[in-house]
């Protein structure tokens, strides 16, 4: 579902995910942990990730212009 969703639809897609079993959930969590462990710390500490998930993310993100948001998204995509 995630791979075939439009980027703008991802939040809704994520909320509609269901798991058939605990084994399936465990498999997804294991993959997520592998991605996390294999992603450089510099990615998680980037200004872009802080803007999206940091303590003041909502206020910071809302204060950005459309162009700033687009530039941030393009940089994250390239990372």
C-alpha atoms as a PDB file:
ATOM      1  CA  UNK A   1       0.000   0.000   0.000  1.00  0.00           C
ATOM      2  CA  UNK A   2       2.756   2.419   0.954  1.00  0.00           C
ATOM      3  CA  UNK A   3       4.802   1.904  -2.207  1.00  0.00           C
ATOM      4  CA  UNK A   4       1.844   2.555  -4.482  1.00  0.00           C
ATOM      5  CA  UNK A   5       0.466   5.605  -2.652  1.00  0.00           C
ATOM      6  CA  UNK A   6       0.932   9.167  -3.777  1.00  0.00           C
ATOM      7  CA  UNK A   7       3.216  11.078  -1.423  1.00  0.00           C
ATOM      8  CA  UNK A   8       0.386  13.378  -0.409  1.00  0.00           C
ATOM      9  CA  UNK A   9      -1.751  10.332   0.509  1.00  0.00           C
ATOM     10  CA  UNK A  10       0.865   8.667   2.733  1.00  0.00           C
ATOM     11  CA  UNK A  11      -0.511   9.867   6.097  1.00  0.00           C
ATOM     12  CA  UNK A  12      -3.956   8.483   5.245  1.00  0.00           C
ATOM     13  CA  UNK A  13      -2.459   5.284   3.866  1.00  0.00           C
ATOM     14  CA  UNK A  14      -0.472   4.769   7.042  1.00  0.00           C
ATOM     15  CA  UNK A  15      -3.591   5.115   9.205  1.00  0.00           C
ATOM     16  CA  UNK A  16      -5.381   2.454   7.142  1.00  0.00           C
ATOM     17  CA  UNK A  17      -2.677  -0.197   7.541  1.00  0.00           C
ATOM     18  CA  UNK A  18      -3.806  -3.358   9.260  1.00  0.00           C
ATOM     19  CA  UNK A  19      -1.952  -6.504  10.267  1.00  0.00           C
ATOM     20  CA  UNK A  20      -3.296 -10.017   9.933  1.00  0.00           C
ATOM     21  CA  UNK A  21      -1.192 -11.440  12.762  1.00  0.00           C
ATOM     22  CA  UNK A  22       1.382 -10.641  15.404  1.00  0.00           C
ATOM     23  CA  UNK A  23       3.975 -12.333  13.182  1.00  0.00           C
ATOM     24  CA  UNK A  24       3.220  -9.872  10.389  1.00  0.00           C
ATOM     25  CA  UNK A  25       3.515  -6.941  12.803  1.00  0.00           C
ATOM     26  CA  UNK A  26       6.807  -8.344  14.128  1.00  0.00           C
ATOM     27  CA  UNK A  27       8.137  -8.606  10.563  1.00  0.00           C
ATOM     28  CA  UNK A  28       7.259  -4.985   9.804  1.00  0.00           C
ATOM     29  CA  UNK A  29       8.814  -3.810  13.066  1.00  0.00           C
ATOM     30  CA  UNK A  30      11.998  -5.770  12.335  1.00  0.00           C
ATOM     31  CA  UNK A  31      12.290  -4.146   8.912  1.00  0.00           C
ATOM     32  CA  UNK A  32      11.668  -0.699  10.425  1.00  0.00           C
ATOM     33  CA  UNK A  33      14.371  -1.320  13.024  1.00  0.00           C
ATOM     34  CA  UNK A  34      16.815  -2.414  10.310  1.00  0.00           C
ATOM     35  CA  UNK A  35      16.138   0.769   8.336  1.00  0.00           C
ATOM     36  CA  UNK A  36      16.616   2.849  11.474  1.00  0.00           C
ATOM     37  CA  UNK A  37      19.858   1.089  12.417  1.00  0.00           C
ATOM     38  CA  UNK A  38      21.270   1.421   8.888  1.00  0.00           C
ATOM     39  CA  UNK A  39      20.415   5.087   8.487  1.00  0.00           C
ATOM     40  CA  UNK A  40      23.253   7.470   9.346  1.00  0.00           C
ATOM     41  CA  UNK A  41      22.768   9.531  12.510  1.00  0.00           C
ATOM     42  CA  UNK A  42      23.367  12.662  10.436  1.00  0.00           C
ATOM     43  CA  UNK A  43      20.084  11.999   8.617  1.00  0.00           C
ATOM     44  CA  UNK A  44      18.057  11.912  11.841  1.00  0.00           C
ATOM     45  CA  UNK A  45      19.840  15.021  13.137  1.00  0.00           C
ATOM     46  CA  UNK A  46      19.333  17.048   9.962  1.00  0.00           C
ATOM     47  CA  UNK A  47      17.487  20.364  10.045  1.00  0.00           C
ATOM     48  CA  UNK A  48      14.836  18.838   7.797  1.00  0.00           C
ATOM     49  CA  UNK A  49      14.088  15.947  10.148  1.00  0.00           C
ATOM     50  CA  UNK A  50      14.057  18.326  13.097  1.00  0.00           C
ATOM     51  CA  UNK A  51      11.576  20.550  11.249  1.00  0.00           C
ATOM     52  CA  UNK A  52       9.307  17.573  10.644  1.00  0.00           C
ATOM     53  CA  UNK A  53       9.661  15.685  13.928  1.00  0.00           C
ATOM     54  CA  UNK A  54      11.421  17.943  16.424  1.00  0.00           C
ATOM     55  CA  UNK A  55      10.012  19.459  19.583  1.00  0.00           C
ATOM     56  CA  UNK A  56       8.719  22.628  17.874  1.00  0.00           C
ATOM     57  CA  UNK A  57       8.084  20.999  14.509  1.00  0.00           C
ATOM     58  CA  UNK A  58       4.500  22.123  13.990  1.00  0.00           C
ATOM     59  CA  UNK A  59       5.240  25.777  14.716  1.00  0.00           C
ATOM     60  CA  UNK A  60       8.419  25.719  12.646  1.00  0.00           C
ATOM     61  CA  UNK A  61       6.825  23.938   9.686  1.00  0.00           C
ATOM     62  CA  UNK A  62       3.769  26.211   9.640  1.00  0.00           C
ATOM     63  CA  UNK A  63       6.062  29.244   9.566  1.00  0.00           C
ATOM     64  CA  UNK A  64       7.821  28.073   6.410  1.00  0.00           C
ATOM     65  CA  UNK A  65       6.931  29.383   2.969  1.00  0.00           C
ATOM     66  CA  UNK A  66       5.723  26.972   0.307  1.00  0.00           C
ATOM     67  CA  UNK A  67       9.101  27.246  -1.430  1.00  0.00           C
ATOM     68  CA  UNK A  68      10.981  26.473   1.801  1.00  0.00           C
ATOM     69  CA  UNK A  69       8.794  23.414   2.378  1.00  0.00           C
ATOM     70  CA  UNK A  70       9.369  22.227  -1.173  1.00  0.00           C
ATOM     71  CA  UNK A  71      13.145  22.673  -0.840  1.00  0.00           C
ATOM     72  CA  UNK A  72      13.111  20.767   2.443  1.00  0.00           C
ATOM     73  CA  UNK A  73      11.115  17.907   0.930  1.00  0.00           C
ATOM     74  CA  UNK A  74      13.430  17.723  -2.096  1.00  0.00           C
ATOM     75  CA  UNK A  75      16.485  17.579   0.158  1.00  0.00           C
ATOM     76  CA  UNK A  76      14.941  14.803   2.275  1.00  0.00           C
ATOM     77  CA  UNK A  77      14.040  12.881  -0.839  1.00  0.00           C
ATOM     78  CA  UNK A  78      17.607  13.080  -2.100  1.00  0.00           C
ATOM     79  CA  UNK A  79      18.971  12.020   1.298  1.00  0.00           C
END
